[in-house]
Amino acid sequence: MRSVNVAELKNRLSKYLSFAEGGEEVVIRDRNLPVAKLVPFLVEGADDQELGLVAAGKLRLPKVRLDVKELLRIPTGSVTGNKAMQAPRRQGRGTLKKSTAFWDASALVPLCVHEAASRHAQSHLRRFAPVVWWGSLVEVHSAICRLHRDREISDLDKQGAVARLRLLNRGWREILPDDQVRDLATQLLDTHSLRRRIDCSLPRP
C-alpha cells in the first residue's frame, strides 16, 4: 500500500491514479495524518452502458459480488402466502443486459422472508443480477418491519431478514435519484400504465 501527502498528490495526480488503476490502494495524508484513501474502481461484470451511467451519477454498481449461497444460509422467518407485500407481484419486463433484470420490492421481499414466492425468486436470483431503484432498501425494510409488528415473524427472524437485505443491498445495482430519470418515467406513463401500488408508507406519529 502506497502513501502520499496532499501536496504531492496534487502535483502528481496522474501517477497515483495509475497506481489505483493497477489495483493498488493509496493512502492520502494531510500533515502526515491519513485522511482518505484512493482505491481501484471495481467494474467486474459491468458493461460500457453501465459504466456510462456510473460516470453520469445515475447508477451505483455492486460493492461486492452477490453470493446466493451465502444469502440463503442466513436463517430467516416464514410466512404463509405472500404477506410481505400487499400489492401483487409483477415480473419486470426491461433489462439492462442479458444477465441483469429490474427487481421491485415484491420480488425482493421473498428473498428476505420465506413465503410462497421465495423459491421462484431464488431461481431468478441465480439467473439475473438484481437492478433496483434507490428507494428499494426502504420499501423492503418497511415490509419486514410490518411483518414483525403483525407478529408474523419473531425478533430473531427479523434480524435474519434484515441481514439478508443488507447483503442484497451490497450486491445489487442501484438506479440513483435523478431529474432526468424521473422525467423519463413520467413520459413513459403516456404509453405504459403503472399497475401496482408502491408500498412505502411511513408510520403515523
Protein backbone atom coordinates (compact mmCIF):
# COMPACT_ATOMS: atom_id res chain seq x y z
CA MET A 1 0.00 0.00 0.00
CA ARG A 2 1.34 3.39 -1.02
CA SER A 3 1.04 6.66 0.89
CA VAL A 4 1.17 10.27 -0.34
CA ASN A 5 0.72 13.76 1.08
CA VAL A 6 -1.98 16.03 -0.40
CA ALA A 7 0.54 18.46 -1.89
CA GLU A 8 2.39 15.72 -3.78
CA LEU A 9 -0.90 14.17 -4.89
CA LYS A 10 -1.98 17.47 -6.44
CA ASN A 11 1.29 17.76 -8.36
CA ARG A 12 1.46 14.11 -9.49
CA LEU A 13 -2.18 13.06 -9.65
CA SER A 14 -1.82 11.09 -12.90
CA LYS A 15 0.96 8.99 -11.39
CA TYR A 16 -1.09 7.98 -8.37
CA LEU A 17 -4.22 7.39 -10.46
CA SER A 18 -2.17 4.90 -12.48
CA PHE A 19 -1.29 3.07 -9.27
CA ALA A 20 -5.01 2.80 -8.43
CA GLU A 21 -5.84 1.66 -11.96
CA GLY A 22 -3.22 -1.04 -11.49
CA GLY A 23 -5.03 -2.36 -8.42
CA GLU A 24 -3.09 -0.60 -5.64
CA GLU A 25 -4.57 1.37 -2.75
CA VAL A 26 -3.06 4.78 -1.94
CA VAL A 27 -3.44 6.37 1.49
CA ILE A 28 -3.74 10.17 1.28
CA ARG A 29 -2.16 12.15 4.14
CA ASP A 30 -2.75 15.71 5.33
CA ARG A 31 0.02 16.93 7.65
CA ASN A 32 1.21 13.32 7.72
CA LEU A 33 -2.12 12.04 9.10
CA PRO A 34 -4.26 9.68 6.98
CA VAL A 35 -7.46 11.41 5.80
CA ALA A 36 -8.59 9.45 2.74
CA LYS A 37 -7.82 6.54 0.50
CA LEU A 38 -7.55 6.25 -3.29
CA VAL A 39 -8.73 2.78 -4.29
CA PRO A 40 -9.29 0.91 -7.56
CA PHE A 41 -12.76 1.29 -9.05
CA LEU A 42 -14.31 -2.18 -9.22
CA VAL A 43 -16.07 -2.76 -12.56
CA GLU A 44 -16.34 -6.55 -12.56
CA GLY A 45 -19.26 -7.61 -14.75
CA ALA A 46 -20.13 -4.04 -15.82
CA ASP A 47 -20.57 -3.21 -19.50
CA ASP A 48 -19.89 0.10 -21.26
CA GLN A 49 -23.52 1.21 -20.89
CA GLU A 50 -23.43 0.70 -17.13
CA LEU A 51 -20.07 2.44 -16.79
CA GLY A 52 -21.51 5.39 -18.69
CA LEU A 53 -24.42 5.55 -16.24
CA VAL A 54 -21.99 5.37 -13.30
CA ALA A 55 -19.91 8.21 -14.74
CA ALA A 56 -23.10 10.27 -15.13
CA GLY A 57 -24.07 9.63 -11.50
CA LYS A 58 -27.17 7.62 -12.42
CA LEU A 59 -26.15 4.11 -11.31
CA ARG A 60 -24.33 2.53 -8.38
CA LEU A 61 -22.55 -0.74 -9.09
CA PRO A 62 -22.46 -3.59 -6.54
CA LYS A 63 -20.00 -3.20 -3.68
CA VAL A 64 -19.39 -6.96 -3.61
CA ARG A 65 -20.26 -9.94 -5.78
CA LEU A 66 -23.57 -11.33 -4.52
CA ASP A 67 -23.12 -14.85 -3.18
CA VAL A 68 -26.54 -16.53 -3.41
CA LYS A 69 -25.45 -19.50 -1.27
CA GLU A 70 -24.24 -17.17 1.48
CA LEU A 71 -27.52 -15.25 1.31
CA LEU A 72 -29.67 -18.36 1.65
CA ARG A 73 -27.61 -19.68 4.57
CA ILE A 74 -28.80 -16.77 6.74
CA PRO A 75 -31.74 -18.08 8.82
CA THR A 76 -34.96 -16.13 8.50
CA GLY A 77 -38.68 -16.44 9.24
CA SER A 78 -41.54 -17.90 7.22
CA VAL A 79 -45.00 -16.54 6.47
CA THR A 80 -47.98 -18.12 4.76
CA GLY A 81 -48.93 -16.88 1.31
CA ASN A 82 -47.43 -13.61 0.10
CA LYS A 83 -47.98 -11.40 3.15
CA ALA A 84 -44.73 -9.48 2.90
CA MET A 85 -46.07 -7.18 0.18
CA GLN A 86 -49.75 -6.27 -0.04
CA ALA A 87 -49.56 -5.45 -3.75
CA PRO A 88 -49.46 -8.32 -6.29
CA ARG A 89 -46.07 -9.42 -7.54
CA ARG A 90 -45.33 -8.50 -11.13
CA GLN A 91 -42.34 -9.55 -13.20
CA GLY A 92 -40.22 -6.71 -14.60
CA ARG A 93 -40.04 -6.50 -18.38
CA GLY A 94 -36.99 -4.38 -19.07
CA THR A 95 -33.35 -5.35 -18.59
CA LEU A 96 -30.04 -3.51 -18.88
CA LYS A 97 -28.39 -6.59 -20.35
CA LYS A 98 -28.95 -10.32 -20.53
CA SER A 99 -27.56 -11.11 -17.08
CA THR A 100 -29.42 -8.32 -15.22
CA ALA A 101 -33.09 -7.58 -14.60
CA PHE A 102 -35.06 -4.96 -12.70
CA TRP A 103 -36.40 -6.18 -9.35
CA ASP A 104 -39.19 -4.39 -7.50
CA ALA A 105 -39.81 -4.75 -3.77
CA SER A 106 -42.38 -7.53 -4.25
CA ALA A 107 -39.65 -9.65 -5.83
CA LEU A 108 -37.01 -8.76 -3.22
CA VAL A 109 -39.04 -9.44 -0.06
CA PRO A 110 -39.34 -13.22 -0.76
CA LEU A 111 -35.54 -13.36 -0.75
CA CYS A 112 -35.52 -12.00 2.81
CA VAL A 113 -38.51 -13.88 4.27
CA HIS A 114 -39.67 -17.38 3.35
CA GLU A 115 -43.04 -17.26 1.61
CA ALA A 116 -44.86 -18.85 -1.31
CA ALA A 117 -42.89 -16.88 -3.91
CA SER A 118 -39.46 -17.47 -2.34
CA ARG A 119 -38.41 -20.47 -4.45
CA HIS A 120 -39.35 -18.62 -7.65
CA ALA A 121 -37.42 -15.52 -6.52
CA GLN A 122 -34.36 -17.58 -5.59
CA SER A 123 -34.39 -19.24 -9.02
CA HIS A 124 -34.42 -15.83 -10.73
CA LEU A 125 -31.64 -14.55 -8.46
CA ARG A 126 -29.37 -17.32 -9.73
CA ARG A 127 -30.06 -16.24 -13.32
CA PHE A 128 -30.37 -12.46 -13.13
CA ALA A 129 -28.35 -9.92 -11.14
CA PRO A 130 -30.79 -7.51 -9.46
CA VAL A 131 -31.14 -3.89 -10.55
CA VAL A 132 -33.25 -1.80 -8.15
CA TRP A 133 -34.27 1.83 -7.64
CA TRP A 134 -32.71 3.79 -4.79
CA GLY A 135 -35.80 3.51 -2.57
CA SER A 136 -35.91 -0.31 -2.64
CA LEU A 137 -33.98 -0.65 0.61
CA VAL A 138 -36.63 1.41 2.44
CA GLU A 139 -39.53 -0.48 0.82
CA VAL A 140 -38.22 -3.91 1.71
CA HIS A 141 -37.19 -2.89 5.23
CA SER A 142 -40.69 -1.45 5.70
CA ALA A 143 -42.25 -4.77 4.68
CA ILE A 144 -40.02 -6.69 7.12
CA CYS A 145 -40.91 -4.33 9.95
CA ARG A 146 -44.62 -4.67 9.18
CA LEU A 147 -44.37 -8.47 9.37
CA HIS A 148 -42.63 -8.11 12.72
CA ARG A 149 -45.24 -5.66 14.06
CA ASP A 150 -48.01 -8.03 12.94
CA ARG A 151 -46.19 -10.88 14.75
CA GLU A 152 -45.81 -12.86 11.55
CA ILE A 153 -42.08 -13.20 12.29
CA SER A 154 -40.12 -13.25 15.56
CA ASP A 155 -37.35 -10.90 16.73
CA LEU A 156 -34.75 -13.43 15.58
CA ASP A 157 -36.50 -13.89 12.23
CA LYS A 158 -36.46 -10.13 11.70
CA GLN A 159 -32.73 -9.99 12.39
CA GLY A 160 -32.15 -12.67 9.77
CA ALA A 161 -34.38 -10.94 7.22
CA VAL A 162 -32.57 -7.61 7.73
CA ALA A 163 -29.19 -9.38 7.45
CA ARG A 164 -30.29 -10.83 4.10
CA LEU A 165 -31.45 -7.39 2.96
CA ARG A 166 -28.09 -5.83 3.86
CA LEU A 167 -26.26 -8.49 1.88
CA LEU A 168 -28.55 -7.94 -1.10
CA ASN A 169 -28.00 -4.19 -0.83
CA ARG A 170 -24.25 -4.65 -1.14
CA GLY A 171 -24.65 -6.85 -4.19
CA TRP A 172 -27.30 -5.14 -6.32
CA ARG A 173 -27.08 -2.41 -8.94
CA GLU A 174 -28.98 0.69 -7.83
CA ILE A 175 -30.57 3.35 -10.03
CA LEU A 176 -29.87 6.67 -8.31
CA PRO A 177 -32.31 9.61 -7.96
CA ASP A 178 -32.05 11.94 -10.90
CA ASP A 179 -34.35 14.51 -12.53
CA GLN A 180 -33.78 13.01 -15.97
CA VAL A 181 -34.74 9.53 -14.77
CA ARG A 182 -37.87 10.90 -13.08
CA ASP A 183 -38.88 12.91 -16.16
CA LEU A 184 -38.40 9.87 -18.41
CA ALA A 185 -40.52 7.74 -16.06
CA THR A 186 -43.26 10.40 -16.18
CA GLN A 187 -43.19 10.42 -20.00
CA LEU A 188 -43.45 6.63 -20.15
CA LEU A 189 -46.76 6.79 -18.28
CA ASP A 190 -48.32 8.10 -21.52
CA THR A 191 -47.87 4.65 -23.07
CA HIS A 192 -47.38 2.31 -20.09
CA SER A 193 -49.71 2.05 -17.10
CA LEU A 194 -48.43 1.95 -13.53
CA ARG A 195 -50.39 -1.04 -12.26
CA ARG A 196 -49.08 -1.73 -8.80
CA ARG A 197 -49.26 0.44 -5.68
CA ILE A 198 -45.89 1.32 -4.20
CA ASP A 199 -45.95 0.28 -0.54
CA CYS A 200 -43.66 2.79 1.14
CA SER A 201 -45.94 4.21 3.80
CA LEU A 202 -44.43 5.79 6.91
CA PRO A 203 -45.71 5.01 10.40
CA ARG A 204 -48.10 7.52 11.92
CA PRO A 205 -46.60 9.79 14.61
